[in-house]
Amino acid sequence: MREYTRAMTSKQQKQTSAVSKVTRKGQVTIPSFFRRKYNIQEGTKVEMIEEGSRLILEPVPDLNDLIGIDKGKYDPSTLKRMLDRSRKKWR
């Protein structure tokens, strides 16, 4: 039998698992401590991944949140050279 950790109030203890009940419509409630930790809000898309006998739920990042993530990593002339090389390769 599996042992599940209950929600902890102490900052030293970390929540690693929780149990939710599936509704008639197939819906599952994600506990608030996980929603806060992974910034899952109403409308956030989640991906369900099957690994063996496990079902993994991962939040899908909003592409708008990734805007500017590479800012300063490349200069425009380097990107243009990389793009030109790639285009020549495929022609």
PDB file of N, CA and C in Angstrom:
ATOM      1  N   MET A   1       0.839  -1.184   0.000  1.00  0.00           N
ATOM      2  CA  MET A   1       0.000   0.000   0.000  1.00  0.00           C
ATOM      3  C   MET A   1       0.881   1.244   0.000  1.00  0.00           C
ATOM      4  N   ARG A   2       0.521   2.222  -0.815  1.00  0.00           N
ATOM      5  CA  ARG A   2       1.289   3.455  -0.893  1.00  0.00           C
ATOM      6  C   ARG A   2       0.963   4.367   0.268  1.00  0.00           C
ATOM      7  N   GLU A   3       1.964   5.096   0.676  1.00  0.00           N
ATOM      8  CA  GLU A   3       1.758   6.072   1.738  1.00  0.00           C
ATOM      9  C   GLU A   3       1.813   7.455   1.107  1.00  0.00           C
ATOM     10  N   TYR A   4       0.808   8.269   1.339  1.00  0.00           N
ATOM     11  CA  TYR A   4       0.741   9.597   0.743  1.00  0.00           C
ATOM     12  C   TYR A   4       0.989  10.651   1.806  1.00  0.00           C
ATOM     13  N   THR A   5       1.750  11.669   1.428  1.00  0.00           N
ATOM     14  CA  THR A   5       2.045  12.770   2.328  1.00  0.00           C
ATOM     15  C   THR A   5       0.893  13.764   2.293  1.00  0.00           C
ATOM     16  N   ARG A   6       0.476  14.229   3.430  1.00  0.00           N
ATOM     17  CA  ARG A   6      -0.591  15.242   3.492  1.00  0.00           C
ATOM     18  C   ARG A   6       0.024  16.629   3.337  1.00  0.00           C
ATOM     19  N   ALA A   7      -0.820  17.613   3.050  1.00  0.00           N
ATOM     20  CA  ALA A   7      -0.339  18.986   2.891  1.00  0.00           C
ATOM     21  C   ALA A   7       0.376  19.426   4.157  1.00  0.00           C
ATOM     22  N   MET A   8       1.567  19.980   3.992  1.00  0.00           N
ATOM     23  CA  MET A   8       2.379  20.388   5.123  1.00  0.00           C
ATOM     24  C   MET A   8       2.311  21.898   5.294  1.00  0.00           C
ATOM     25  N   THR A   9       2.316  22.351   6.526  1.00  0.00           N
ATOM     26  CA  THR A   9       2.323  23.784   6.777  1.00  0.00           C
ATOM     27  C   THR A   9       3.742  24.276   7.048  1.00  0.00           C
ATOM     28  N   SER A  10       4.639  23.396   7.429  1.00  0.00           N
ATOM     29  CA  SER A  10       6.016  23.757   7.724  1.00  0.00           C
ATOM     30  C   SER A  10       6.784  23.971   6.427  1.00  0.00           C
ATOM     31  N   LYS A  11       7.607  25.012   6.381  1.00  0.00           N
ATOM     32  CA  LYS A  11       8.383  25.306   5.174  1.00  0.00           C
ATOM     33  C   LYS A  11       9.492  24.284   4.953  1.00  0.00           C
ATOM     34  N   GLN A  12       9.917  23.565   6.003  1.00  0.00           N
ATOM     35  CA  GLN A  12      10.985  22.579   5.855  1.00  0.00           C
ATOM     36  C   GLN A  12      10.489  21.335   5.124  1.00  0.00           C
ATOM     37  N   GLN A  13       9.202  21.023   5.216  1.00  0.00           N
ATOM     38  CA  GLN A  13       8.666  19.819   4.602  1.00  0.00           C
ATOM     39  C   GLN A  13       8.102  20.158   3.229  1.00  0.00           C
ATOM     40  N   LYS A  14       8.335  19.288   2.268  1.00  0.00           N
ATOM     41  CA  LYS A  14       7.869  19.526   0.902  1.00  0.00           C
ATOM     42  C   LYS A  14       6.757  18.554   0.550  1.00  0.00           C
ATOM     43  N   GLN A  15       5.756  19.047  -0.165  1.00  0.00           N
ATOM     44  CA  GLN A  15       4.654  18.220  -0.630  1.00  0.00           C
ATOM     45  C   GLN A  15       5.100  17.529  -1.910  1.00  0.00           C
ATOM     46  N   THR A  16       5.042  16.211  -1.948  1.00  0.00           N
ATOM     47  CA  THR A  16       5.475  15.494  -3.140  1.00  0.00           C
ATOM     48  C   THR A  16       4.370  14.676  -3.782  1.00  0.00           C
ATOM     49  N   SER A  17       3.270  14.451  -3.073  1.00  0.00           N
ATOM     50  CA  SER A  17       2.180  13.679  -3.665  1.00  0.00           C
ATOM     51  C   SER A  17       0.860  14.094  -3.033  1.00  0.00           C
ATOM     52  N   ALA A  18      -0.197  13.794  -3.722  1.00  0.00           N
ATOM     53  CA  ALA A  18      -1.544  14.083  -3.236  1.00  0.00           C
ATOM     54  C   ALA A  18      -2.506  13.134  -3.927  1.00  0.00           C
ATOM     55  N   VAL A  19      -3.673  12.979  -3.358  1.00  0.00           N
ATOM     56  CA  VAL A  19      -4.700  12.112  -3.925  1.00  0.00           C
ATOM     57  C   VAL A  19      -5.903  12.982  -4.293  1.00  0.00           C
ATOM     58  N   SER A  20      -6.410  12.820  -5.514  1.00  0.00           N
ATOM     59  CA  SER A  20      -7.616  13.503  -5.966  1.00  0.00           C
ATOM     60  C   SER A  20      -8.575  12.463  -6.511  1.00  0.00           C
ATOM     61  N   LYS A  21      -9.851  12.782  -6.455  1.00  0.00           N
ATOM     62  CA  LYS A  21     -10.876  11.880  -6.973  1.00  0.00           C
ATOM     63  C   LYS A  21     -11.298  12.348  -8.363  1.00  0.00           C
ATOM     64  N   VAL A  22     -11.495  11.409  -9.271  1.00  0.00           N
ATOM     65  CA  VAL A  22     -11.942  11.712 -10.624  1.00  0.00           C
ATOM     66  C   VAL A  22     -13.458  11.848 -10.600  1.00  0.00           C
ATOM     67  N   THR A  23     -13.976  12.930 -11.211  1.00  0.00           N
ATOM     68  CA  THR A  23     -15.425  13.143 -11.252  1.00  0.00           C
ATOM     69  C   THR A  23     -16.049  12.320 -12.375  1.00  0.00           C
ATOM     70  N   ARG A  24     -17.379  12.341 -12.422  1.00  0.00           N
ATOM     71  CA  ARG A  24     -18.105  11.637 -13.486  1.00  0.00           C
ATOM     72  C   ARG A  24     -17.680  12.114 -14.868  1.00  0.00           C
ATOM     73  N   LYS A  25     -17.319  13.385 -14.973  1.00  0.00           N
ATOM     74  CA  LYS A  25     -16.923  13.958 -16.254  1.00  0.00           C
ATOM     75  C   LYS A  25     -15.438  13.741 -16.551  1.00  0.00           C
ATOM     76  N   GLY A  26     -14.734  13.010 -15.697  1.00  0.00           N
ATOM     77  CA  GLY A  26     -13.318  12.737 -15.924  1.00  0.00           C
ATOM     78  C   GLY A  26     -12.406  13.855 -15.457  1.00  0.00           C
ATOM     79  N   GLN A  27     -12.915  14.777 -14.657  1.00  0.00           N
ATOM     80  CA  GLN A  27     -12.113  15.900 -14.183  1.00  0.00           C
ATOM     81  C   GLN A  27     -11.402  15.553 -12.875  1.00  0.00           C
ATOM     82  N   VAL A  28     -10.215  16.129 -12.712  1.00  0.00           N
ATOM     83  CA  VAL A  28      -9.421  15.924 -11.509  1.00  0.00           C
ATOM     84  C   VAL A  28      -9.011  17.298 -10.990  1.00  0.00           C
ATOM     85  N   THR A  29      -9.087  17.510  -9.690  1.00  0.00           N
ATOM     86  CA  THR A  29      -8.651  18.767  -9.098  1.00  0.00           C
ATOM     87  C   THR A  29      -7.175  18.675  -8.764  1.00  0.00           C
ATOM     88  N   ILE A  30      -6.403  19.661  -9.241  1.00  0.00           N
ATOM     89  CA  ILE A  30      -4.983  19.737  -8.900  1.00  0.00           C
ATOM     90  C   ILE A  30      -4.891  20.528  -7.606  1.00  0.00           C
ATOM     91  N   PRO A  31      -4.310  19.968  -6.551  1.00  0.00           N
ATOM     92  CA  PRO A  31      -4.220  20.671  -5.274  1.00  0.00           C
ATOM     93  C   PRO A  31      -3.548  22.040  -5.408  1.00  0.00           C
ATOM     94  N   SER A  32      -3.985  22.975  -4.580  1.00  0.00           N
ATOM     95  CA  SER A  32      -3.526  24.361  -4.688  1.00  0.00           C
ATOM     96  C   SER A  32      -2.015  24.505  -4.542  1.00  0.00           C
ATOM     97  N   PHE A  33      -1.381  23.701  -3.676  1.00  0.00           N
ATOM     98  CA  PHE A  33       0.068  23.850  -3.505  1.00  0.00           C
ATOM     99  C   PHE A  33       0.810  23.494  -4.781  1.00  0.00           C
ATOM    100  N   PHE A  34       0.303  22.532  -5.580  1.00  0.00           N
ATOM    101  CA  PHE A  34       0.919  22.218  -6.865  1.00  0.00           C
ATOM    102  C   PHE A  34       0.622  23.311  -7.886  1.00  0.00           C
ATOM    103  N   ARG A  35      -0.617  23.840  -7.872  1.00  0.00           N
ATOM    104  CA  ARG A  35      -0.967  24.915  -8.808  1.00  0.00           C
ATOM    105  C   ARG A  35      -0.090  26.137  -8.574  1.00  0.00           C
ATOM    106  N   ARG A  36       0.154  26.476  -7.319  1.00  0.00           N
ATOM    107  CA  ARG A  36       1.016  27.621  -7.017  1.00  0.00           C
ATOM    108  C   ARG A  36       2.459  27.327  -7.418  1.00  0.00           C
ATOM    109  N   LYS A  37       2.957  26.154  -7.079  1.00  0.00           N
ATOM    110  CA  LYS A  37       4.344  25.790  -7.362  1.00  0.00           C
ATOM    111  C   LYS A  37       4.647  25.815  -8.857  1.00  0.00           C
ATOM    112  N   TYR A  38       3.716  25.316  -9.674  1.00  0.00           N
ATOM    113  CA  TYR A  38       3.939  25.219 -11.113  1.00  0.00           C
ATOM    114  C   TYR A  38       3.197  26.293 -11.907  1.00  0.00           C
ATOM    115  N   ASN A  39       2.688  27.300 -11.203  1.00  0.00           N
ATOM    116  CA  ASN A  39       1.987  28.432 -11.821  1.00  0.00           C
ATOM    117  C   ASN A  39       0.888  27.964 -12.780  1.00  0.00           C
ATOM    118  N   ILE A  40       0.070  27.031 -12.319  1.00  0.00           N
ATOM    119  CA  ILE A  40      -1.059  26.540 -13.102  1.00  0.00           C
ATOM    120  C   ILE A  40      -2.289  27.342 -12.694  1.00  0.00           C
ATOM    121  N   GLN A  41      -2.826  28.072 -13.663  1.00  0.00           N
ATOM    122  CA  GLN A  41      -3.997  28.905 -13.419  1.00  0.00           C
ATOM    123  C   GLN A  41      -5.124  28.463 -14.338  1.00  0.00           C
ATOM    124  N   GLU A  42      -6.293  29.031 -14.121  1.00  0.00           N
ATOM    125  CA  GLU A  42      -7.418  28.716 -15.001  1.00  0.00           C
ATOM    126  C   GLU A  42      -7.027  29.031 -16.433  1.00  0.00           C
ATOM    127  N   GLY A  43      -7.220  28.076 -17.322  1.00  0.00           N
ATOM    128  CA  GLY A  43      -6.875  28.260 -18.732  1.00  0.00           C
ATOM    129  C   GLY A  43      -5.498  27.724 -19.101  1.00  0.00           C
ATOM    130  N   THR A  44      -4.671  27.382 -18.111  1.00  0.00           N
ATOM    131  CA  THR A  44      -3.357  26.814 -18.393  1.00  0.00           C
ATOM    132  C   THR A  44      -3.539  25.441 -19.029  1.00  0.00           C
ATOM    133  N   LYS A  45      -2.824  25.190 -20.107  1.00  0.00           N
ATOM    134  CA  LYS A  45      -2.894  23.875 -20.750  1.00  0.00           C
ATOM    135  C   LYS A  45      -1.905  22.946 -20.065  1.00  0.00           C
ATOM    136  N   VAL A  46      -2.297  21.678 -19.938  1.00  0.00           N
ATOM    137  CA  VAL A  46      -1.419  20.672 -19.354  1.00  0.00           C
ATOM    138  C   VAL A  46      -1.311  19.503 -20.328  1.00  0.00           C
ATOM    139  N   GLU A  47      -0.140  18.894 -20.339  1.00  0.00           N
ATOM    140  CA  GLU A  47       0.103  17.741 -21.194  1.00  0.00           C
ATOM    141  C   GLU A  47       0.092  16.497 -20.314  1.00  0.00           C
ATOM    142  N   MET A  48      -0.583  15.442 -20.768  1.00  0.00           N
ATOM    143  CA  MET A  48      -0.602  14.179 -20.050  1.00  0.00           C
ATOM    144  C   MET A  48       0.287  13.197 -20.788  1.00  0.00           C
ATOM    145  N   ILE A  49       1.265  12.657 -20.085  1.00  0.00           N
ATOM    146  CA  ILE A  49       2.252  11.767 -20.677  1.00  0.00           C
ATOM    147  C   ILE A  49       2.164  10.417 -19.972  1.00  0.00           C
ATOM    148  N   GLU A  50       2.070   9.357 -20.766  1.00  0.00           N
ATOM    149  CA  GLU A  50       2.042   8.012 -20.193  1.00  0.00           C
ATOM    150  C   GLU A  50       3.451   7.444 -20.226  1.00  0.00           C
ATOM    151  N   GLU A  51       3.962   7.070 -19.059  1.00  0.00           N
ATOM    152  CA  GLU A  51       5.275   6.429 -18.938  1.00  0.00           C
ATOM    153  C   GLU A  51       5.087   5.131 -18.180  1.00  0.00           C
ATOM    154  N   GLY A  52       5.102   4.036 -18.907  1.00  0.00           N
ATOM    155  CA  GLY A  52       4.863   2.743 -18.277  1.00  0.00           C
ATOM    156  C   GLY A  52       3.465   2.715 -17.684  1.00  0.00           C
ATOM    157  N   SER A  53       3.377   2.495 -16.395  1.00  0.00           N
ATOM    158  CA  SER A  53       2.066   2.458 -15.732  1.00  0.00           C
ATOM    159  C   SER A  53       1.762   3.776 -15.030  1.00  0.00           C
ATOM    160  N   ARG A  54       2.515   4.835 -15.340  1.00  0.00           N
ATOM    161  CA  ARG A  54       2.328   6.130 -14.691  1.00  0.00           C
ATOM    162  C   ARG A  54       1.746   7.138 -15.664  1.00  0.00           C
ATOM    163  N   LEU A  55       0.973   8.064 -15.142  1.00  0.00           N
ATOM    164  CA  LEU A  55       0.427   9.179 -15.913  1.00  0.00           C
ATOM    165  C   LEU A  55       1.040  10.447 -15.346  1.00  0.00           C
ATOM    166  N   ILE A  56       1.773  11.163 -16.175  1.00  0.00           N
ATOM    167  CA  ILE A  56       2.460  12.377 -15.743  1.00  0.00           C
ATOM    168  C   ILE A  56       1.737  13.580 -16.315  1.00  0.00           C
ATOM    169  N   LEU A  57       1.531  14.574 -15.485  1.00  0.00           N
ATOM    170  CA  LEU A  57       0.841  15.799 -15.870  1.00  0.00           C
ATOM    171  C   LEU A  57       1.860  16.929 -15.850  1.00  0.00           C
ATOM    172  N   GLU A  58       2.066  17.598 -16.992  1.00  0.00           N
ATOM    173  CA  GLU A  58       3.026  18.697 -17.075  1.00  0.00           C
ATOM    174  C   GLU A  58       2.345  19.929 -17.643  1.00  0.00           C
ATOM    175  N   PRO A  59       2.570  21.098 -17.022  1.00  0.00           N
ATOM    176  CA  PRO A  59       2.027  22.326 -17.597  1.00  0.00           C
ATOM    177  C   PRO A  59       2.738  22.646 -18.914  1.00  0.00           C
ATOM    178  N   VAL A  60       1.978  23.105 -19.891  1.00  0.00           N
ATOM    179  CA  VAL A  60       2.537  23.506 -21.181  1.00  0.00           C
ATOM    180  C   VAL A  60       2.788  25.004 -21.106  1.00  0.00           C
ATOM    181  N   PRO A  61       4.037  25.445 -21.320  1.00  0.00           N
ATOM    182  CA  PRO A  61       4.309  26.882 -21.214  1.00  0.00           C
ATOM    183  C   PRO A  61       3.598  27.662 -22.311  1.00  0.00           C
ATOM    184  N   ASP A  62       3.109  28.826 -21.951  1.00  0.00           N
ATOM    185  CA  ASP A  62       2.493  29.729 -22.913  1.00  0.00           C
ATOM    186  C   ASP A  62       3.619  30.356 -23.721  1.00  0.00           C
ATOM    187  N   LEU A  63       3.540  30.308 -25.047  1.00  0.00           N
ATOM    188  CA  LEU A  63       4.612  30.839 -25.881  1.00  0.00           C
ATOM    189  C   LEU A  63       4.859  32.321 -25.632  1.00  0.00           C
ATOM    190  N   ASN A  64       3.833  33.059 -25.226  1.00  0.00           N
ATOM    191  CA  ASN A  64       4.026  34.473 -24.913  1.00  0.00           C
ATOM    192  C   ASN A  64       4.955  34.666 -23.722  1.00  0.00           C
ATOM    193  N   ASP A  65       5.013  33.697 -22.816  1.00  0.00           N
ATOM    194  CA  ASP A  65       5.913  33.787 -21.666  1.00  0.00           C
ATOM    195  C   ASP A  65       7.366  33.597 -22.077  1.00  0.00           C
ATOM    196  N   LEU A  66       7.606  33.025 -23.256  1.00  0.00           N
ATOM    197  CA  LEU A  66       8.966  32.748 -23.706  1.00  0.00           C
ATOM    198  C   LEU A  66       9.543  33.862 -24.570  1.00  0.00           C
ATOM    199  N   ILE A  67       8.758  34.903 -24.839  1.00  0.00           N
ATOM    200  CA  ILE A  67       9.240  36.018 -25.661  1.00  0.00           C
ATOM    201  C   ILE A  67      10.433  36.666 -24.972  1.00  0.00           C
ATOM    202  N   GLY A  68      11.505  36.803 -25.706  1.00  0.00           N
ATOM    203  CA  GLY A  68      12.701  37.462 -25.189  1.00  0.00           C
ATOM    204  C   GLY A  68      13.620  36.562 -24.388  1.00  0.00           C
ATOM    205  N   ILE A  69      13.340  35.275 -24.353  1.00  0.00           N
ATOM    206  CA  ILE A  69      14.142  34.364 -23.545  1.00  0.00           C
ATOM    207  C   ILE A  69      15.600  34.311 -24.025  1.00  0.00           C
ATOM    208  N   ASP A  70      15.839  34.531 -25.318  1.00  0.00           N
ATOM    209  CA  ASP A  70      17.194  34.506 -25.866  1.00  0.00           C
ATOM    210  C   ASP A  70      17.767  35.905 -26.069  1.00  0.00           C
ATOM    211  N   LYS A  71      17.147  36.901 -25.495  1.00  0.00           N
ATOM    212  CA  LYS A  71      17.594  38.274 -25.687  1.00  0.00           C
ATOM    213  C   LYS A  71      19.065  38.405 -25.291  1.00  0.00           C
ATOM    214  N   GLY A  72      19.847  38.930 -26.213  1.00  0.00           N
ATOM    215  CA  GLY A  72      21.262  39.140 -25.959  1.00  0.00           C
ATOM    216  C   GLY A  72      22.127  37.918 -26.199  1.00  0.00           C
ATOM    217  N   LYS A  73      21.540  36.789 -26.486  1.00  0.00           N
ATOM    218  CA  LYS A  73      22.317  35.567 -26.698  1.00  0.00           C
ATOM    219  C   LYS A  73      22.985  35.565 -28.071  1.00  0.00           C
ATOM    220  N   TYR A  74      22.309  36.086 -29.075  1.00  0.00           N
ATOM    221  CA  TYR A  74      22.834  36.140 -30.430  1.00  0.00           C
ATOM    222  C   TYR A  74      22.709  37.561 -30.962  1.00  0.00           C
ATOM    223  N   ASP A  75      23.638  37.942 -31.821  1.00  0.00           N
ATOM    224  CA  ASP A  75      23.459  39.228 -32.498  1.00  0.00           C
ATOM    225  C   ASP A  75      22.825  38.945 -33.859  1.00  0.00           C
ATOM    226  N   PRO A  76      22.114  39.909 -34.427  1.00  0.00           N
ATOM    227  CA  PRO A  76      21.376  39.686 -35.679  1.00  0.00           C
ATOM    228  C   PRO A  76      22.253  39.205 -36.833  1.00  0.00           C
ATOM    229  N   SER A  77      23.490  39.680 -36.947  1.00  0.00           N
ATOM    230  CA  SER A  77      24.342  39.264 -38.072  1.00  0.00           C
ATOM    231  C   SER A  77      24.702  37.777 -37.965  1.00  0.00           C
ATOM    232  N   THR A  78      24.928  37.275 -36.743  1.00  0.00           N
ATOM    233  CA  THR A  78      25.213  35.851 -36.550  1.00  0.00           C
ATOM    234  C   THR A  78      24.004  35.013 -36.928  1.00  0.00           C
ATOM    235  N   LEU A  79      22.831  35.443 -36.511  1.00  0.00           N
ATOM    236  CA  LEU A  79      21.605  34.707 -36.855  1.00  0.00           C
ATOM    237  C   LEU A  79      21.385  34.682 -38.359  1.00  0.00           C
ATOM    238  N   LYS A  80      21.665  35.820 -39.032  1.00  0.00           N
ATOM    239  CA  LYS A  80      21.491  35.874 -40.482  1.00  0.00           C
ATOM    240  C   LYS A  80      22.444  34.900 -41.170  1.00  0.00           C
ATOM    241  N   ARG A  81      23.712  34.847 -40.732  1.00  0.00           N
ATOM    242  CA  ARG A  81      24.674  33.907 -41.313  1.00  0.00           C
ATOM    243  C   ARG A  81      24.219  32.459 -41.106  1.00  0.00           C
ATOM    244  N   MET A  82      23.738  32.143 -39.896  1.00  0.00           N
ATOM    245  CA  MET A  82      23.261  30.789 -39.606  1.00  0.00           C
ATOM    246  C   MET A  82      22.074  30.431 -40.506  1.00  0.00           C
ATOM    247  N   LEU A  83      21.159  31.367 -40.675  1.00  0.00           N
ATOM    248  CA  LEU A  83      19.987  31.144 -41.518  1.00  0.00           C
ATOM    249  C   LEU A  83      20.393  30.955 -42.973  1.00  0.00           C
ATOM    250  N   ASP A  84      21.314  31.802 -43.458  1.00  0.00           N
ATOM    251  CA  ASP A  84      21.778  31.678 -44.848  1.00  0.00           C
ATOM    252  C   ASP A  84      22.445  30.326 -45.090  1.00  0.00           C
ATOM    253  N   ARG A  85      23.298  29.871 -44.157  1.00  0.00           N
ATOM    254  CA  ARG A  85      23.944  28.563 -44.274  1.00  0.00           C
ATOM    255  C   ARG A  85      22.916  27.441 -44.323  1.00  0.00           C
ATOM    256  N   SER A  86      21.926  27.537 -43.469  1.00  0.00           N
ATOM    257  CA  SER A  86      20.875  26.512 -43.413  1.00  0.00           C
ATOM    258  C   SER A  86      20.093  26.471 -44.719  1.00  0.00           C
ATOM    259  N   ARG A  87      19.794  27.646 -45.261  1.00  0.00           N
ATOM    260  CA  ARG A  87      19.051  27.700 -46.516  1.00  0.00           C
ATOM    261  C   ARG A  87      19.849  27.127 -47.669  1.00  0.00           C
ATOM    262  N   LYS A  88      21.166  27.405 -47.709  1.00  0.00           N
ATOM    263  CA  LYS A  88      22.015  26.859 -48.779  1.00  0.00           C
ATOM    264  C   LYS A  88      22.069  25.344 -48.715  1.00  0.00           C
ATOM    265  N   LYS A  89      22.102  24.826 -47.511  1.00  0.00           N
ATOM    266  CA  LYS A  89      22.171  23.380 -47.315  1.00  0.00           C
ATOM    267  C   LYS A  89      20.938  22.682 -47.893  1.00  0.00           C
ATOM    268  N   TRP A  90      19.783  23.308 -47.791  1.00  0.00           N
ATOM    269  CA  TRP A  90      18.531  22.668 -48.214  1.00  0.00           C
ATOM    270  C   TRP A  90      18.124  22.994 -49.632  1.00  0.00           C
ATOM    271  N   ARG A  91      18.927  23.793 -50.330  1.00  0.00           N
ATOM    272  CA  ARG A  91      18.570  24.128 -51.730  1.00  0.00           C
ATOM    273  C   ARG A  91      19.169  23.181 -52.698  1.00  0.00           C
TER     274      ARG A  91
END
